[in-house]
Protein backbone atom coordinates (compact mmCIF):
# COMPACT_ATOMS: atom_id res chain seq x y z
CA MET A 1 7.52 18.73 -18.36
CA SER A 2 4.24 19.07 -17.60
CA VAL A 3 2.47 16.07 -15.86
CA ALA A 4 -0.88 14.99 -18.30
CA ALA A 5 -3.00 13.63 -15.20
CA THR A 6 -5.74 14.85 -12.68
CA VAL A 7 -5.51 14.61 -9.25
CA ILE A 8 -8.69 14.49 -7.47
CA GLN A 9 -9.10 15.10 -3.73
CA THR A 10 -12.01 12.60 -2.26
CA ASN A 11 -13.35 12.16 1.14
CA GLY A 12 -13.77 8.92 2.33
CA ILE A 13 -14.04 6.51 -0.61
CA GLU A 14 -16.07 7.22 -3.72
CA LYS A 15 -17.51 5.02 -6.53
CA ALA A 16 -17.98 6.59 -10.27
CA ALA A 17 -21.45 6.58 -11.29
CA SER A 18 -21.10 3.20 -13.56
CA GLU A 19 -19.80 1.17 -10.85
CA PRO A 20 -21.77 -1.41 -9.19
CA ILE A 21 -21.84 -1.36 -5.81
CA ALA A 22 -21.78 -4.45 -3.11
CA LYS A 23 -21.92 -4.99 0.38
CA THR A 24 -18.37 -5.26 2.04
CA GLY A 25 -16.83 -7.15 4.72
CA ALA A 26 -16.67 -10.96 5.69
CA GLY A 27 -20.19 -11.86 3.82
CA ALA A 28 -19.29 -9.26 0.80
CA SER A 29 -20.62 -10.90 -2.76
CA ARG A 30 -18.09 -11.28 -5.46
CA ASP A 31 -18.51 -10.38 -8.92
CA SER A 32 -17.62 -13.57 -11.12
CA SER A 33 -17.70 -11.44 -14.01
CA GLY A 34 -14.93 -9.52 -13.18
CA GLY A 35 -16.57 -6.13 -14.00
CA VAL A 36 -14.94 -3.09 -12.05
CA PRO A 37 -15.32 -2.69 -9.20
CA HIS A 38 -17.54 -5.84 -7.57
CA THR A 39 -17.02 -3.97 -3.91
CA THR A 40 -16.20 -1.01 -2.48
CA TYR A 41 -15.27 -0.20 1.35
CA ASP A 42 -17.69 2.88 1.25
CA ASP A 43 -19.15 2.02 5.12
CA VAL A 44 -15.17 1.89 6.44
CA ASP A 45 -13.47 4.90 8.58
CA PRO A 46 -10.51 5.68 6.05
CA ALA A 47 -9.03 6.54 9.35
CA THR A 48 -8.69 2.80 9.78
CA TYR A 49 -6.39 2.35 6.98
CA LEU A 50 -4.92 5.78 6.42
CA GLY A 51 -3.92 6.00 9.95
CA PRO A 52 -3.64 9.43 11.58
CA HIS A 53 -1.87 11.75 9.05
CA GLY A 54 -2.87 9.68 5.76
CA ALA A 55 -4.80 10.56 2.65
CA GLU A 56 -6.06 8.76 -0.41
CA ARG A 57 -6.35 10.75 -4.02
CA ASP A 58 -7.91 9.78 -7.63
CA LEU A 59 -5.36 10.06 -10.19
CA VAL A 60 -6.35 10.06 -13.85
CA ASN A 61 -3.98 8.55 -16.51
CA ALA A 62 -3.54 8.98 -20.04
CA GLN A 63 -6.23 6.42 -20.51
CA GLY A 64 -8.62 8.14 -18.76
CA LEU A 65 -8.74 5.56 -15.89
CA ARG A 66 -9.27 6.94 -12.35
CA LEU A 67 -6.55 5.38 -10.36
CA LYS A 68 -7.05 4.87 -6.36
CA THR A 69 -3.73 6.13 -4.62
CA PHE A 70 -2.59 6.51 -1.09
CA TYR A 71 -0.53 8.93 0.84
CA TRP A 72 1.25 7.78 4.47
CA PRO A 73 3.50 10.97 5.27
CA ALA A 74 6.04 10.08 7.97
CA ASP A 75 6.54 12.95 10.40
CA GLN A 76 9.57 14.80 9.28
CA ALA A 77 10.11 12.66 6.14
CA ARG A 78 13.29 12.25 4.56
CA SER A 79 12.64 10.16 1.63
CA VAL A 80 9.37 8.46 0.11
CA LEU A 81 9.10 4.69 -0.84
CA LEU A 82 6.72 4.22 -3.94
CA PHE A 83 5.38 1.05 -3.51
CA VAL A 84 4.04 -1.31 -6.77
CA HIS A 85 1.38 -4.55 -6.00
CA GLY A 86 1.74 -7.81 -6.95
CA HIS A 87 -0.77 -9.46 -9.58
CA GLY A 88 -4.39 -9.60 -8.41
CA ALA A 89 -3.57 -7.90 -5.29
CA HIS A 90 -4.03 -4.01 -4.00
CA GLY A 91 -2.21 -1.26 -2.21
CA LEU A 92 -3.72 -1.97 1.37
CA PHE A 93 -3.92 -5.85 1.21
CA GLU A 94 -0.12 -5.67 0.23
CA LEU A 95 1.35 -3.08 2.74
CA LEU A 96 -0.70 -3.02 5.90
CA GLN A 97 -1.92 -5.43 8.59
CA ILE A 98 -5.12 -7.57 8.69
CA GLU A 99 -6.43 -8.35 11.76
CA GLU A 100 -9.92 -9.94 10.63
CA LEU A 101 -10.84 -12.09 7.68
CA GLY A 102 -12.78 -10.47 5.26
CA GLN A 103 -12.46 -6.73 6.68
CA PRO A 104 -10.34 -3.88 5.30
CA PRO A 105 -6.65 -4.02 6.16
CA LEU A 106 -5.78 -1.86 9.05
CA TYR A 107 -2.72 1.16 9.55
CA GLY A 108 0.10 -0.48 10.53
CA GLY A 109 2.34 -3.50 9.35
CA TRP A 110 5.13 -2.00 6.95
CA VAL A 111 3.78 1.35 6.09
CA GLN A 112 3.82 2.28 10.07
CA LYS A 113 7.20 0.90 10.33
CA PHE A 114 8.60 2.84 7.58
CA ASN A 115 6.78 6.28 8.96
CA GLU A 116 8.57 5.77 12.20
CA ALA A 117 11.65 5.41 10.71
CA GLY A 118 11.20 9.13 8.89
CA ILE A 119 10.02 7.63 5.41
CA SER A 120 6.70 8.46 3.44
CA VAL A 121 4.79 5.69 1.53
CA VAL A 122 2.97 5.60 -1.20
CA THR A 123 1.15 3.33 -3.46
CA LEU A 124 -1.39 2.91 -6.12
CA ASP A 125 -4.47 0.19 -6.98
CA ASN A 126 -2.70 -0.72 -10.55
CA GLN A 127 -5.64 -0.30 -13.18
CA GLY A 128 -8.27 -2.90 -12.93
CA CYS A 129 -7.21 -3.81 -9.37
CA GLY A 130 -8.63 -2.75 -5.95
CA ARG A 131 -10.59 0.18 -6.34
CA SER A 132 -9.18 1.38 -9.80
CA ASP A 133 -11.06 1.75 -12.91
CA GLY A 134 -10.06 -0.86 -15.47
CA ALA A 135 -9.47 -1.22 -19.31
CA ARG A 136 -12.77 -2.26 -20.96
CA ASN A 137 -14.11 -2.35 -17.45
CA LEU A 138 -12.29 -5.17 -16.66
CA ARG A 139 -10.89 -6.46 -13.18
CA TYR A 140 -7.26 -7.62 -13.27
CA PHE A 141 -7.12 -6.98 -16.81
CA VAL A 142 -4.49 -5.09 -18.95
CA GLU A 143 -4.22 -4.09 -22.29
CA SER A 144 -0.06 -3.66 -22.52
CA PHE A 145 2.45 -4.60 -19.50
CA GLN A 146 3.62 -0.88 -20.59
CA ASP A 147 0.34 0.62 -19.19
CA TYR A 148 1.09 -0.51 -15.74
CA VAL A 149 4.65 1.20 -16.00
CA ASN A 150 3.19 4.55 -17.35
CA ASP A 151 0.91 4.66 -14.35
CA VAL A 152 3.86 4.19 -11.84
CA LEU A 153 5.87 6.79 -13.79
CA LEU A 154 2.79 9.13 -13.82
CA LEU A 155 2.28 8.67 -9.96
CA ARG A 156 6.27 9.10 -9.53
CA ARG A 157 6.10 12.67 -11.40
CA THR A 158 2.65 13.85 -9.55
CA LEU A 159 4.49 13.76 -6.37
CA SER A 160 5.84 17.47 -6.99
CA GLU A 161 2.55 18.62 -7.23
CA VAL A 162 -0.04 16.47 -4.56
CA ASP A 163 -1.00 18.33 -1.62
CA VAL A 164 -0.40 16.18 0.93
CA PRO A 165 2.70 17.28 3.15
CA GLY A 166 5.54 14.80 3.52
CA PHE A 167 6.16 13.90 -0.44
CA ARG A 168 7.24 16.84 -2.75
CA ASP A 169 11.13 17.42 -3.11
CA LEU A 170 12.27 14.48 -1.28
CA PRO A 171 14.36 11.41 -2.69
CA VAL A 172 12.23 8.65 -3.95
CA PHE A 173 13.08 4.64 -3.42
CA LEU A 174 10.94 2.60 -5.80
CA SER A 175 9.77 -0.78 -4.26
CA GLY A 176 7.60 -3.72 -5.81
CA ILE A 177 6.79 -7.04 -5.37
CA SER A 178 6.09 -9.80 -7.30
CA MET A 179 4.61 -8.87 -10.80
CA GLY A 180 5.02 -5.16 -9.15
CA GLY A 181 8.88 -5.75 -8.93
CA CYS A 182 9.03 -5.87 -12.89
CA VAL A 183 6.89 -3.25 -12.96
CA ALA A 184 8.95 -1.16 -10.77
CA LEU A 185 12.42 -2.16 -12.97
CA HIS A 186 10.72 -1.29 -16.08
CA ALA A 187 9.79 2.46 -14.90
CA ALA A 188 13.17 2.69 -13.45
CA LEU A 189 14.65 1.68 -16.55
CA GLU A 190 12.35 4.66 -18.42
CA ASP A 191 14.38 7.17 -16.09
CA GLN A 192 16.81 6.16 -13.34
CA THR A 193 17.22 9.85 -12.52
CA LEU A 194 13.69 10.03 -10.84
CA PHE A 195 15.20 7.74 -7.83
CA ARG A 196 17.19 7.53 -5.71
CA GLY A 197 16.92 3.59 -5.48
CA LEU A 198 15.62 0.43 -5.48
CA VAL A 199 13.79 -2.26 -3.17
CA LEU A 200 12.46 -5.47 -4.95
CA LEU A 201 11.09 -8.31 -3.07
CA ALA A 202 10.34 -11.72 -5.06
CA PRO A 203 10.39 -9.66 -8.66
CA MET A 204 8.96 -11.26 -11.47
CA LEU A 205 11.88 -10.84 -13.74
CA SER A 206 11.84 -14.60 -14.98
CA LEU A 207 9.09 -16.97 -15.59
CA GLN A 208 11.56 -19.63 -17.45
CA ARG A 209 10.78 -22.06 -14.18
CA VAL A 210 6.85 -21.80 -14.30
CA SER A 211 7.09 -22.06 -17.92
CA ARG A 212 8.24 -25.06 -17.97
CA ARG A 213 5.60 -26.56 -15.52
CA GLY A 214 2.76 -28.66 -16.24
CA LEU A 215 0.76 -27.91 -19.32
CA ASN A 216 2.82 -24.43 -19.71
CA PRO A 217 5.26 -25.48 -22.46
CA TYR A 218 2.46 -26.21 -24.62
CA MET A 219 0.41 -23.30 -23.79
CA ARG A 220 3.43 -20.97 -25.17
CA PRO A 221 3.45 -21.03 -28.60
CA VAL A 222 -0.36 -20.08 -28.64
CA ALA A 223 -0.43 -17.73 -25.85
CA ALA A 224 -0.05 -14.75 -28.44
CA LEU A 225 -2.64 -15.98 -30.76
CA LEU A 226 -5.25 -16.45 -27.73
CA SER A 227 -4.30 -12.96 -26.28
CA ARG A 228 -5.55 -11.31 -29.48
CA ILE A 229 -8.61 -13.47 -29.97
CA VAL A 230 -9.63 -14.16 -26.45
CA PRO A 231 -7.51 -11.49 -24.55
CA TRP A 232 -10.05 -11.28 -21.63
CA ALA A 233 -10.26 -14.95 -21.50
CA ALA A 234 -9.53 -15.77 -17.67
CA ILE A 235 -7.98 -19.21 -18.33
CA VAL A 236 -4.77 -19.34 -16.70
CA ALA A 237 -4.40 -20.91 -13.52
CA THR A 238 -2.31 -19.18 -10.35
CA ASP A 239 -0.74 -21.43 -7.34
CA ARG A 240 -2.24 -21.37 -4.47
CA ASN A 241 -0.01 -20.76 -1.17
CA LYS A 242 -0.10 -24.44 0.23
CA LEU A 243 2.74 -23.44 2.93
CA ASN A 244 1.09 -21.15 4.64
CA PRO A 245 -2.59 -21.64 4.77
CA VAL A 246 -3.30 -18.32 6.81
CA LEU A 247 -2.03 -16.13 4.36
CA GLN A 248 -4.18 -17.64 1.70
CA ASP A 249 -7.31 -17.60 3.59
CA GLN A 250 -6.45 -13.85 4.13
CA TRP A 251 -6.17 -13.60 0.50
CA ASP A 252 -9.25 -15.85 -0.19
CA SER A 253 -11.27 -13.50 2.51
CA ASP A 254 -10.31 -10.30 0.81
CA PRO A 255 -12.82 -9.03 -1.58
CA LEU A 256 -10.76 -6.78 -3.71
CA VAL A 257 -8.07 -9.23 -4.46
CA ALA A 258 -8.44 -11.50 -7.90
CA HIS A 259 -10.61 -14.74 -7.16
CA ILE A 260 -10.37 -15.62 -10.99
CA ASN A 261 -7.50 -17.12 -13.11
CA THR A 262 -5.26 -14.80 -14.66
CA ARG A 263 -6.69 -13.47 -18.21
CA VAL A 264 -4.89 -14.55 -21.43
CA ARG A 265 -3.64 -10.82 -21.95
CA ASN A 266 -1.85 -10.63 -18.97
CA ALA A 267 -0.35 -13.85 -18.94
CA ASN A 268 0.99 -13.38 -22.10
CA GLU A 269 2.00 -9.82 -21.11
CA TYR A 270 3.98 -11.02 -18.26
CA LEU A 271 5.72 -13.68 -20.50
CA ARG A 272 6.96 -10.95 -22.92
CA CYS A 273 7.86 -8.47 -20.26
CA THR A 274 9.83 -10.70 -18.29
CA GLU A 275 11.81 -12.17 -21.36
CA SER A 276 12.37 -8.20 -22.16
CA ILE A 277 13.71 -6.94 -19.16
CA MET A 278 15.90 -10.17 -18.89
CA GLY A 279 18.03 -8.46 -21.90
CA ARG A 280 18.16 -5.18 -20.07
CA LEU A 281 19.67 -5.81 -16.52
CA GLY A 282 22.70 -4.60 -17.55
CA GLU A 283 21.28 -1.05 -17.99
CA VAL A 284 20.69 -0.90 -14.67
CA THR A 285 23.02 1.71 -13.04
CA LEU A 286 20.67 2.68 -9.67
CA PRO A 287 21.70 1.42 -6.32
CA PHE A 288 19.48 -1.57 -5.51
CA ILE A 289 18.85 -4.42 -2.75
CA VAL A 290 16.90 -7.13 -4.22
CA ALA A 291 15.58 -9.84 -1.58
CA HIS A 292 14.26 -13.46 -3.07
CA SER A 293 13.50 -16.81 -1.81
CA GLU A 294 15.44 -19.84 -3.32
CA ASN A 295 12.08 -21.58 -2.73
CA ASP A 296 9.78 -19.38 -4.32
CA SER A 297 7.53 -21.38 -6.85
CA MET A 298 5.91 -18.11 -8.46
CA CYS A 299 8.68 -15.99 -9.45
CA ASP A 300 11.93 -17.55 -10.23
CA PRO A 301 14.94 -16.63 -8.09
CA ASP A 302 17.37 -16.91 -11.17
CA GLY A 303 15.85 -13.59 -12.43
CA SER A 304 17.30 -11.80 -9.48
CA LYS A 305 20.52 -13.78 -9.10
CA ALA A 306 20.63 -12.38 -12.75
CA LEU A 307 19.98 -8.78 -12.10
CA TYR A 308 22.56 -8.90 -9.18
CA ARG A 309 25.38 -10.32 -11.57
CA GLU A 310 24.51 -8.62 -14.70
CA ALA A 311 23.62 -4.51 -13.39
CA ARG A 312 26.13 -2.43 -13.60
CA ALA A 313 25.54 -0.57 -10.69
CA THR A 314 28.44 -0.65 -8.66
CA ASP A 315 25.88 -0.44 -5.10
CA LYS A 316 23.89 -3.69 -5.47
CA THR A 317 22.64 -6.07 -2.83
CA ILE A 318 20.84 -9.25 -3.11
CA ARG A 319 19.69 -11.14 -0.04
CA LEU A 320 18.14 -14.75 -0.36
CA VAL A 321 15.63 -15.33 2.18
CA ASN A 322 15.58 -19.13 2.02
CA HIS A 323 13.65 -19.41 5.37
CA MET A 324 10.76 -17.84 3.29
CA TRP A 325 8.73 -18.31 -0.07
CA HIS A 326 7.09 -15.83 -1.87
CA VAL A 327 4.70 -13.51 0.25
CA LEU A 328 7.63 -11.74 1.85
CA LEU A 329 5.88 -8.45 3.13
CA LYS A 330 3.53 -11.05 5.95
CA GLU A 331 5.58 -14.51 5.97
CA GLY A 332 7.49 -15.09 9.15
CA GLY A 333 10.78 -13.28 9.04
CA ASN A 334 9.23 -10.57 7.41
CA GLU A 335 10.04 -8.02 10.11
CA ILE A 336 14.00 -8.78 10.14
CA LEU A 337 13.77 -8.25 6.25
CA LEU A 338 12.14 -4.74 6.93
CA GLU A 339 14.44 -3.69 9.11
CA GLU A 340 17.02 -4.70 6.62
CA LEU A 341 15.19 -2.82 3.95
CA ILE A 342 14.99 0.65 6.04
CA ALA A 343 18.37 0.25 7.16
CA TRP A 344 19.46 0.25 3.56
CA MET A 345 17.35 3.09 2.64
CA GLN A 346 18.59 4.94 5.25
CA ALA A 347 22.33 4.64 4.24
CA ARG A 348 21.70 5.62 0.84
CA LEU A 349 20.45 9.59 1.72
């Protein structure tokens, strides 16, 4: 099938004519209105985050939104990892290493380890996040959760056409963390033949525990109504990382992550999509590995346990990483988890 998209090569980091510019770095200003985007990294050498062979491209989706995508090819690549970031984050923040607060992440971290293992990595900034356009010109907003899913499937299908070496005609593993894990699973269920396997990290498959806390039980009945009336309203509070202040400081200092509450439409879509996916776990036949901590207070580990229990896949693995919390790519012990994930992927080539 033809891919309804446009792949645009960019030199460095470009901005659309309508996008406001703000200073970057530790002193960067933040756009409290949530317009897209509130800052760029246009004064940064792309080689700092792309590494020796990486590339960035713009991908135009069916909504006409320009999505920023990043490619890190491995030498003599044997497979590809397509990664989906979590709510309010962006691809570079999740995957790369952060050495200085407020500065762009640097090539290294998980991406470098995957590359050294012969695994090319591709990710995108979800619409409304990072340096991607957003619906209604809003940051951290989506009209429908399905839009996230469609964008991931679009990126997957364009891998057969991309002009970056190390991605064409290779088996693709689909991965995601937190909300991105839910996007990944929904995308896989659209067409499981597109992927060799799933690598899910603290995926947002269930929000039952969260929905029972505080005022949430009272808000749930009116969530759908608010989503229709004031979908853009950012009134749903998100937990801060009190267990690891260093990681919270990294989040607070990054100019491209969400510094506003979750928008009503997003919150309602997250509840709706998790309720939907919990009824489809038995459809999963792809090999998968899911890692989750039973101490996770952001995304219910019960969802990952249910996936392992109910999936029809004969090749399935669950890792309960109870020495961790939720930010599995950055917390202590992440290096050991990464080694296990790489070994799992290599064993399925």
